[in-house]
Protein backbone atom coordinates (compact mmCIF):
# COMPACT_ATOMS: atom_id res chain seq x y z
CA UNK A 1 3.72 -1.94 -7.85
CA UNK A 2 0.79 -3.41 -9.82
CA UNK A 3 -0.07 -6.92 -10.90
CA UNK A 4 1.56 -7.83 -14.22
CA UNK A 5 -1.89 -8.14 -15.86
CA UNK A 6 -1.74 -5.95 -18.95
CA UNK A 7 -5.00 -3.95 -18.99
CA UNK A 8 -4.87 -0.75 -20.93
CA UNK A 9 -7.09 2.25 -20.27
CA UNK A 10 -7.22 5.38 -22.41
CA UNK A 11 -8.25 8.55 -20.66
CA UNK A 12 -8.74 12.04 -22.12
CA UNK A 13 -7.59 14.78 -19.75
CA UNK A 14 -8.29 18.51 -19.78
CA UNK A 15 -5.17 20.56 -20.45
CA UNK A 16 -4.82 21.78 -16.87
CA UNK A 17 -5.01 18.23 -15.45
CA UNK A 18 -2.55 16.94 -18.05
CA UNK A 19 -0.14 19.75 -17.10
CA UNK A 20 -0.50 18.86 -13.39
CA UNK A 21 0.16 15.21 -14.21
CA UNK A 22 3.30 16.03 -16.17
CA UNK A 23 4.53 18.24 -13.33
CA UNK A 24 3.90 15.52 -10.76
CA UNK A 25 5.70 12.98 -12.93
CA UNK A 26 8.76 15.28 -13.17
CA UNK A 27 8.68 16.04 -9.44
CA UNK A 28 8.35 12.38 -8.48
CA UNK A 29 10.71 11.22 -11.27
CA UNK A 30 8.14 8.71 -12.49
CA UNK A 31 6.22 8.13 -15.68
CA UNK A 32 2.78 9.69 -15.98
CA UNK A 33 1.24 6.23 -16.14
CA UNK A 34 2.85 5.39 -12.76
CA UNK A 35 1.32 8.54 -11.22
CA UNK A 36 -2.11 7.61 -12.60
CA UNK A 37 -1.81 4.08 -11.19
CA UNK A 38 -0.78 5.51 -7.77
CA UNK A 39 -3.72 7.92 -7.80
CA UNK A 40 -6.19 5.24 -8.81
CA UNK A 41 -4.84 2.90 -6.16
CA UNK A 42 -5.25 5.61 -3.50
CA UNK A 43 -8.72 6.59 -4.71
CA UNK A 44 -10.03 3.03 -5.06
CA UNK A 45 -8.01 1.52 -2.22
CA UNK A 46 -10.94 1.86 0.19
CA UNK A 47 -12.28 -1.49 -0.97
CA UNK A 48 -9.03 -3.18 0.15
CA UNK A 49 -9.00 -1.64 3.60
CA UNK A 50 -9.93 -3.82 6.56
CA UNK A 51 -13.54 -3.42 7.68
CA UNK A 52 -14.38 -1.64 10.90
CA UNK A 53 -14.08 1.78 12.31
CA UNK A 54 -10.80 3.75 12.07
CA UNK A 55 -10.34 3.48 15.85
CA UNK A 56 -10.31 -0.31 15.49
CA UNK A 57 -7.33 -0.07 13.11
CA UNK A 58 -5.23 1.97 15.54
CA UNK A 59 -6.37 0.57 18.83
CA UNK A 60 -3.02 -1.10 19.38
CA UNK A 61 -1.26 2.27 19.17
CA UNK A 62 -3.30 4.01 21.80
CA UNK A 63 -1.15 4.73 24.80
CA UNK A 64 2.00 3.49 23.11
CA UNK A 65 3.68 6.92 22.93
CA UNK A 66 5.10 8.64 25.95
CA UNK A 67 4.96 12.40 26.42
CA UNK A 68 7.32 12.50 29.38
CA UNK A 69 4.53 14.07 31.46
CA UNK A 70 3.35 11.44 33.98
CA UNK A 71 -0.18 12.86 34.61
CA UNK A 72 -0.90 14.26 31.12
CA UNK A 73 -4.00 12.12 30.64
CA UNK A 74 -5.52 13.20 33.94
CA UNK A 75 -4.59 16.89 33.62
CA UNK A 76 -4.59 17.38 29.83
CA UNK A 77 -6.75 20.53 29.98
CA UNK A 78 -4.37 22.13 32.48
CA UNK A 79 -1.34 21.42 30.30
CA UNK A 80 -3.00 22.70 27.11
CA UNK A 81 -4.27 25.88 28.73
CA UNK A 82 -0.89 26.40 30.39
CA UNK A 83 0.95 26.03 27.13
CA UNK A 84 -1.38 28.51 25.45
CA UNK A 85 -0.91 31.13 28.12
CA UNK A 86 2.90 30.67 27.98
CA UNK A 87 2.76 30.74 24.17
CA UNK A 88 4.95 27.68 23.72
CA UNK A 89 4.59 23.94 23.25
CA UNK A 90 4.28 21.49 26.13
CA UNK A 91 7.62 20.21 27.36
CA UNK A 92 8.23 17.20 29.58
CA UNK A 93 8.97 17.94 33.22
């Protein structure tokens, strides 16, 4: 999970946050320190993300999923409005 570099940090938590941390640790079946490391990693992880716009990171996925509807891109508005008037999700034809 983390590098084996032993750096210790002491943090004082308000009672409600400590209670939430204990509950998350029980729910996830992990130690509180593991939960804190996960949360810090998520919070500070932005510095390790690749530079660029979000669209650049998913560009390879665009168009890679099929809906089963051959002209969905050209007639998306028609399909969305049609599904709203029918009150159900779009299904492949």
